[in-house]
């Protein structure tokens, strides 16, 4: 089973989803902006990917500038902020039996499918 944490408005997320489907896989699609992840789910997703909390967030959104930029902040605090402000989560993350990755660029998904 493959799960994509998807934002349909994001071209990279749409490209990644298309690559998954082209491989003949019908993934579970989690629209995390409509159905935000819990702090625990965010922590698990990021930790499974091997990225740091800071490497998993978007820096071009207002919550980043307001709560993170220029501040000393723990991973746990970042996980909580992503749960509260899901737009902070970079995209798309993809999870499957071969691991979890932030698929930017979208071609990175090929290692998971």
N, C-alpha and C. Protein backbone atom coordinates (compact mmCIF):
# COMPACT_ATOMS: atom_id res chain seq x y z
N UNK A 1 0.84 -1.19 0.00
CA UNK A 1 0.00 0.00 0.00
C UNK A 1 0.88 1.25 0.00
N UNK A 2 0.50 2.21 -0.81
CA UNK A 2 1.21 3.48 -0.91
C UNK A 2 0.26 4.59 -0.48
N UNK A 3 0.77 5.51 0.32
CA UNK A 3 -0.01 6.66 0.77
C UNK A 3 0.71 7.92 0.35
N UNK A 4 -0.04 8.85 -0.25
CA UNK A 4 0.52 10.15 -0.61
C UNK A 4 -0.18 11.22 0.22
N UNK A 5 0.61 12.07 0.83
CA UNK A 5 0.11 13.21 1.58
C UNK A 5 0.08 14.36 0.58
N UNK A 6 -1.10 14.66 0.11
CA UNK A 6 -1.32 15.35 -1.15
C UNK A 6 -2.01 16.70 -0.97
N UNK A 7 -1.55 17.66 -1.79
CA UNK A 7 -2.25 18.93 -1.95
C UNK A 7 -2.56 19.05 -3.44
N UNK A 8 -3.82 18.91 -3.83
CA UNK A 8 -4.16 18.93 -5.25
C UNK A 8 -3.82 20.24 -5.95
N UNK A 9 -3.60 21.31 -5.22
CA UNK A 9 -3.25 22.59 -5.83
C UNK A 9 -1.76 22.69 -6.15
N UNK A 10 -0.96 21.74 -5.67
CA UNK A 10 0.50 21.77 -5.84
C UNK A 10 0.89 20.95 -7.07
N UNK A 11 1.62 21.58 -7.99
CA UNK A 11 2.02 20.86 -9.21
C UNK A 11 2.93 19.68 -8.90
N UNK A 12 3.84 19.81 -7.93
CA UNK A 12 4.75 18.71 -7.59
C UNK A 12 3.96 17.53 -7.00
N UNK A 13 2.96 17.84 -6.21
CA UNK A 13 2.13 16.80 -5.62
C UNK A 13 1.32 16.09 -6.72
N UNK A 14 0.78 16.86 -7.65
CA UNK A 14 0.02 16.25 -8.75
C UNK A 14 0.93 15.39 -9.63
N UNK A 15 2.15 15.87 -9.91
CA UNK A 15 3.09 15.08 -10.71
C UNK A 15 3.46 13.77 -10.01
N UNK A 16 3.66 13.85 -8.70
CA UNK A 16 4.00 12.65 -7.93
C UNK A 16 2.85 11.65 -7.96
N UNK A 17 1.64 12.13 -7.77
CA UNK A 17 0.46 11.26 -7.82
C UNK A 17 0.35 10.61 -9.20
N UNK A 18 0.60 11.37 -10.25
CA UNK A 18 0.52 10.81 -11.61
C UNK A 18 1.56 9.70 -11.81
N UNK A 19 2.77 9.89 -11.29
CA UNK A 19 3.81 8.84 -11.41
C UNK A 19 3.40 7.57 -10.68
N UNK A 20 2.78 7.73 -9.53
CA UNK A 20 2.31 6.55 -8.76
C UNK A 20 1.26 5.80 -9.57
N UNK A 21 0.31 6.54 -10.11
CA UNK A 21 -0.77 5.91 -10.88
C UNK A 21 -0.26 5.29 -12.17
N UNK A 22 0.74 5.95 -12.82
CA UNK A 22 1.33 5.39 -14.04
C UNK A 22 2.00 4.05 -13.76
N UNK A 23 2.44 3.85 -12.52
CA UNK A 23 3.07 2.58 -12.13
C UNK A 23 2.02 1.52 -11.81
N UNK A 24 0.74 1.86 -12.00
CA UNK A 24 -0.33 0.89 -11.77
C UNK A 24 -0.76 0.79 -10.32
N UNK A 25 -0.40 1.78 -9.52
CA UNK A 25 -0.74 1.76 -8.10
C UNK A 25 -1.84 2.78 -7.84
N UNK A 26 -2.86 2.34 -7.13
CA UNK A 26 -3.92 3.25 -6.71
C UNK A 26 -3.65 3.58 -5.23
N UNK A 27 -3.03 4.73 -4.97
CA UNK A 27 -2.61 5.04 -3.60
C UNK A 27 -3.76 5.52 -2.72
N UNK A 28 -3.52 5.46 -1.43
CA UNK A 28 -4.38 6.14 -0.48
C UNK A 28 -3.96 7.61 -0.54
N UNK A 29 -4.93 8.48 -0.73
CA UNK A 29 -4.63 9.91 -0.84
C UNK A 29 -5.11 10.61 0.42
N UNK A 30 -4.17 11.25 1.11
CA UNK A 30 -4.50 12.02 2.31
C UNK A 30 -4.36 13.49 1.96
N UNK A 31 -5.48 14.18 1.86
CA UNK A 31 -5.44 15.63 1.63
C UNK A 31 -5.27 16.29 2.99
N UNK A 32 -4.02 16.46 3.39
CA UNK A 32 -3.70 16.88 4.75
C UNK A 32 -4.12 18.31 5.06
N UNK A 33 -4.40 19.12 4.05
CA UNK A 33 -4.90 20.47 4.34
C UNK A 33 -6.37 20.42 4.76
N UNK A 34 -7.13 19.47 4.19
CA UNK A 34 -8.54 19.29 4.56
C UNK A 34 -8.67 18.46 5.83
N UNK A 35 -7.78 17.50 6.00
CA UNK A 35 -7.82 16.58 7.15
C UNK A 35 -6.44 16.59 7.81
N UNK A 36 -6.17 17.62 8.62
CA UNK A 36 -4.83 17.76 9.20
C UNK A 36 -4.41 16.54 10.02
N UNK A 37 -3.12 16.28 9.97
CA UNK A 37 -2.54 15.19 10.75
C UNK A 37 -2.38 15.64 12.19
N UNK A 38 -2.40 14.68 13.09
CA UNK A 38 -2.12 14.98 14.50
C UNK A 38 -0.62 15.23 14.66
N UNK A 39 -0.27 15.80 15.77
CA UNK A 39 1.15 16.02 16.07
C UNK A 39 1.92 14.71 16.00
N UNK A 40 1.33 13.64 16.53
CA UNK A 40 1.98 12.33 16.53
C UNK A 40 2.15 11.79 15.10
N UNK A 41 1.13 11.97 14.26
CA UNK A 41 1.22 11.52 12.88
C UNK A 41 2.29 12.30 12.12
N UNK A 42 2.35 13.61 12.36
CA UNK A 42 3.38 14.45 11.73
C UNK A 42 4.77 13.97 12.14
N UNK A 43 4.95 13.76 13.43
CA UNK A 43 6.25 13.32 13.94
C UNK A 43 6.65 11.98 13.32
N UNK A 44 5.72 11.05 13.26
CA UNK A 44 6.01 9.73 12.70
C UNK A 44 6.38 9.83 11.22
N UNK A 45 5.62 10.60 10.45
CA UNK A 45 5.87 10.76 9.02
C UNK A 45 7.26 11.34 8.78
N UNK A 46 7.59 12.40 9.48
CA UNK A 46 8.88 13.06 9.28
C UNK A 46 10.03 12.17 9.75
N UNK A 47 9.86 11.54 10.91
CA UNK A 47 10.92 10.67 11.41
C UNK A 47 11.15 9.48 10.48
N UNK A 48 10.09 8.92 9.92
CA UNK A 48 10.24 7.80 8.98
C UNK A 48 10.97 8.22 7.72
N UNK A 49 10.84 9.49 7.34
CA UNK A 49 11.49 9.97 6.11
C UNK A 49 12.98 10.19 6.30
N UNK A 50 13.42 10.30 7.55
CA UNK A 50 14.82 10.56 7.82
C UNK A 50 15.20 12.04 7.73
N UNK A 51 14.22 12.89 7.45
CA UNK A 51 14.48 14.32 7.41
C UNK A 51 14.43 14.92 8.81
N UNK A 52 15.06 16.05 8.96
CA UNK A 52 14.88 16.80 10.20
C UNK A 52 13.55 17.54 10.11
N UNK A 53 13.05 17.96 11.24
CA UNK A 53 11.79 18.71 11.24
C UNK A 53 11.93 19.98 10.39
N UNK A 54 13.04 20.67 10.54
CA UNK A 54 13.24 21.90 9.76
C UNK A 54 13.30 21.64 8.26
N UNK A 55 13.86 20.51 7.86
CA UNK A 55 13.96 20.18 6.43
C UNK A 55 12.63 19.74 5.83
N UNK A 56 11.63 19.56 6.65
CA UNK A 56 10.35 19.06 6.17
C UNK A 56 9.29 20.15 6.06
N UNK A 57 9.67 21.38 6.33
CA UNK A 57 8.67 22.45 6.32
C UNK A 57 8.87 23.41 5.17
N UNK A 58 7.79 24.10 4.86
CA UNK A 58 7.80 25.15 3.84
C UNK A 58 8.19 26.46 4.53
N UNK A 59 9.07 27.19 3.89
CA UNK A 59 9.52 28.45 4.48
C UNK A 59 8.84 29.66 3.85
N UNK A 60 7.99 29.40 2.86
CA UNK A 60 7.33 30.50 2.15
C UNK A 60 5.89 30.72 2.60
N UNK A 61 5.55 30.23 3.78
CA UNK A 61 4.20 30.41 4.30
C UNK A 61 4.25 31.25 5.57
N UNK A 62 3.17 31.96 5.84
CA UNK A 62 3.11 32.90 6.95
C UNK A 62 3.41 32.27 8.31
N UNK A 63 2.89 31.07 8.61
CA UNK A 63 3.21 30.50 9.93
C UNK A 63 4.72 30.28 10.14
N UNK A 64 5.46 30.03 9.06
CA UNK A 64 6.91 29.88 9.20
C UNK A 64 7.51 31.20 9.68
N UNK A 65 7.18 32.29 8.98
CA UNK A 65 7.73 33.58 9.37
C UNK A 65 7.30 33.98 10.78
N UNK A 66 6.07 33.67 11.12
CA UNK A 66 5.54 34.08 12.42
C UNK A 66 6.10 33.26 13.58
N UNK A 67 6.21 31.95 13.41
CA UNK A 67 6.51 31.08 14.55
C UNK A 67 7.89 30.42 14.54
N UNK A 68 8.56 30.36 13.38
CA UNK A 68 9.77 29.55 13.30
C UNK A 68 11.00 30.37 12.91
N UNK A 69 10.87 31.19 11.90
CA UNK A 69 12.01 31.91 11.35
C UNK A 69 12.76 32.70 12.42
N UNK A 70 14.08 32.43 12.51
CA UNK A 70 14.93 33.16 13.44
C UNK A 70 14.79 32.77 14.89
N UNK A 71 14.04 31.70 15.15
CA UNK A 71 13.82 31.28 16.55
C UNK A 71 14.47 29.94 16.81
N UNK A 72 14.87 29.74 18.05
CA UNK A 72 15.33 28.41 18.50
C UNK A 72 14.06 27.62 18.82
N UNK A 73 13.85 26.55 18.07
CA UNK A 73 12.61 25.80 18.23
C UNK A 73 12.91 24.30 18.13
N UNK A 74 12.29 23.54 18.98
CA UNK A 74 12.54 22.09 19.00
C UNK A 74 11.74 21.38 17.91
N UNK A 75 12.17 20.17 17.59
CA UNK A 75 11.41 19.35 16.64
C UNK A 75 9.98 19.15 17.13
N UNK A 76 9.82 18.89 18.41
CA UNK A 76 8.50 18.67 18.98
C UNK A 76 7.60 19.89 18.76
N UNK A 77 8.17 21.08 18.93
CA UNK A 77 7.40 22.30 18.69
C UNK A 77 7.04 22.44 17.22
N UNK A 78 7.95 22.06 16.34
CA UNK A 78 7.67 22.11 14.90
C UNK A 78 6.55 21.12 14.55
N UNK A 79 6.60 19.92 15.10
CA UNK A 79 5.54 18.94 14.84
C UNK A 79 4.18 19.51 15.26
N UNK A 80 4.14 20.14 16.43
CA UNK A 80 2.88 20.73 16.92
C UNK A 80 2.41 21.85 16.00
N UNK A 81 3.33 22.67 15.52
CA UNK A 81 2.96 23.76 14.61
C UNK A 81 2.43 23.22 13.28
N UNK A 82 3.05 22.16 12.76
CA UNK A 82 2.56 21.56 11.51
C UNK A 82 1.15 21.01 11.71
N UNK A 83 0.91 20.39 12.85
CA UNK A 83 -0.44 19.87 13.14
C UNK A 83 -1.45 21.01 13.18
N UNK A 84 -1.05 22.14 13.73
CA UNK A 84 -1.96 23.29 13.84
C UNK A 84 -2.07 24.06 12.52
N UNK A 85 -0.96 24.15 11.79
CA UNK A 85 -0.90 24.89 10.52
C UNK A 85 -0.38 23.94 9.43
N UNK A 86 -1.24 23.08 8.89
CA UNK A 86 -0.77 22.04 7.97
C UNK A 86 -0.08 22.57 6.71
N UNK A 87 -0.29 23.83 6.35
CA UNK A 87 0.39 24.39 5.19
C UNK A 87 1.90 24.44 5.39
N UNK A 88 2.36 24.30 6.63
CA UNK A 88 3.80 24.26 6.90
C UNK A 88 4.47 23.01 6.35
N UNK A 89 3.72 21.92 6.24
CA UNK A 89 4.30 20.65 5.81
C UNK A 89 4.66 20.71 4.33
N UNK A 90 5.91 20.43 4.02
CA UNK A 90 6.31 20.38 2.63
C UNK A 90 5.62 19.20 1.97
N UNK A 91 5.56 19.19 0.66
CA UNK A 91 4.80 18.17 -0.04
C UNK A 91 5.45 17.82 -1.35
N UNK A 92 5.11 16.64 -1.79
CA UNK A 92 4.30 15.59 -1.18
C UNK A 92 5.18 14.57 -0.45
N UNK A 93 4.73 14.13 0.68
CA UNK A 93 5.34 12.98 1.33
C UNK A 93 4.63 11.74 0.79
N UNK A 94 5.39 10.68 0.58
CA UNK A 94 4.83 9.41 0.14
C UNK A 94 5.38 8.32 1.05
N UNK A 95 4.48 7.44 1.53
CA UNK A 95 4.86 6.31 2.37
C UNK A 95 4.41 5.01 1.72
N UNK A 96 5.25 3.99 1.87
CA UNK A 96 4.90 2.68 1.36
C UNK A 96 5.79 1.64 1.99
N UNK A 97 5.71 0.42 1.48
CA UNK A 97 6.49 -0.68 2.06
C UNK A 97 7.99 -0.47 1.89
N UNK A 98 8.39 0.39 0.94
CA UNK A 98 9.81 0.65 0.71
C UNK A 98 10.32 1.89 1.43
N UNK A 99 9.47 2.49 2.27
CA UNK A 99 9.92 3.64 3.05
C UNK A 99 9.04 4.86 2.88
N UNK A 100 9.54 5.97 3.39
CA UNK A 100 8.84 7.25 3.35
C UNK A 100 9.80 8.31 2.85
N UNK A 101 9.32 9.15 1.93
CA UNK A 101 10.17 10.21 1.38
C UNK A 101 9.34 11.46 1.13
N UNK A 102 10.03 12.59 1.20
CA UNK A 102 9.51 13.83 0.64
C UNK A 102 9.89 13.78 -0.83
N UNK A 103 8.91 13.74 -1.71
CA UNK A 103 9.18 13.52 -3.13
C UNK A 103 9.27 14.83 -3.90
N UNK A 104 10.31 15.56 -3.60
CA UNK A 104 10.67 16.78 -4.33
C UNK A 104 12.09 16.60 -4.78
N UNK A 105 12.34 16.37 -6.03
CA UNK A 105 11.42 16.37 -7.16
C UNK A 105 10.56 15.11 -7.19
N UNK A 106 9.47 15.15 -7.96
CA UNK A 106 8.54 14.03 -8.00
C UNK A 106 9.17 12.69 -8.36
N UNK A 107 10.24 12.70 -9.15
CA UNK A 107 10.87 11.45 -9.58
C UNK A 107 11.38 10.62 -8.40
N UNK A 108 11.56 11.25 -7.25
CA UNK A 108 12.02 10.50 -6.07
C UNK A 108 11.05 9.39 -5.68
N UNK A 109 9.78 9.54 -6.10
CA UNK A 109 8.78 8.52 -5.75
C UNK A 109 9.10 7.18 -6.40
N UNK A 110 9.87 7.18 -7.49
CA UNK A 110 10.17 5.93 -8.19
C UNK A 110 10.93 4.94 -7.29
N UNK A 111 11.65 5.45 -6.30
CA UNK A 111 12.33 4.57 -5.36
C UNK A 111 11.40 3.91 -4.36
N UNK A 112 10.15 4.37 -4.30
CA UNK A 112 9.18 3.84 -3.35
C UNK A 112 8.14 2.93 -3.99
N UNK A 113 8.08 2.92 -5.34
CA UNK A 113 7.00 2.17 -6.00
C UNK A 113 7.56 1.05 -6.87
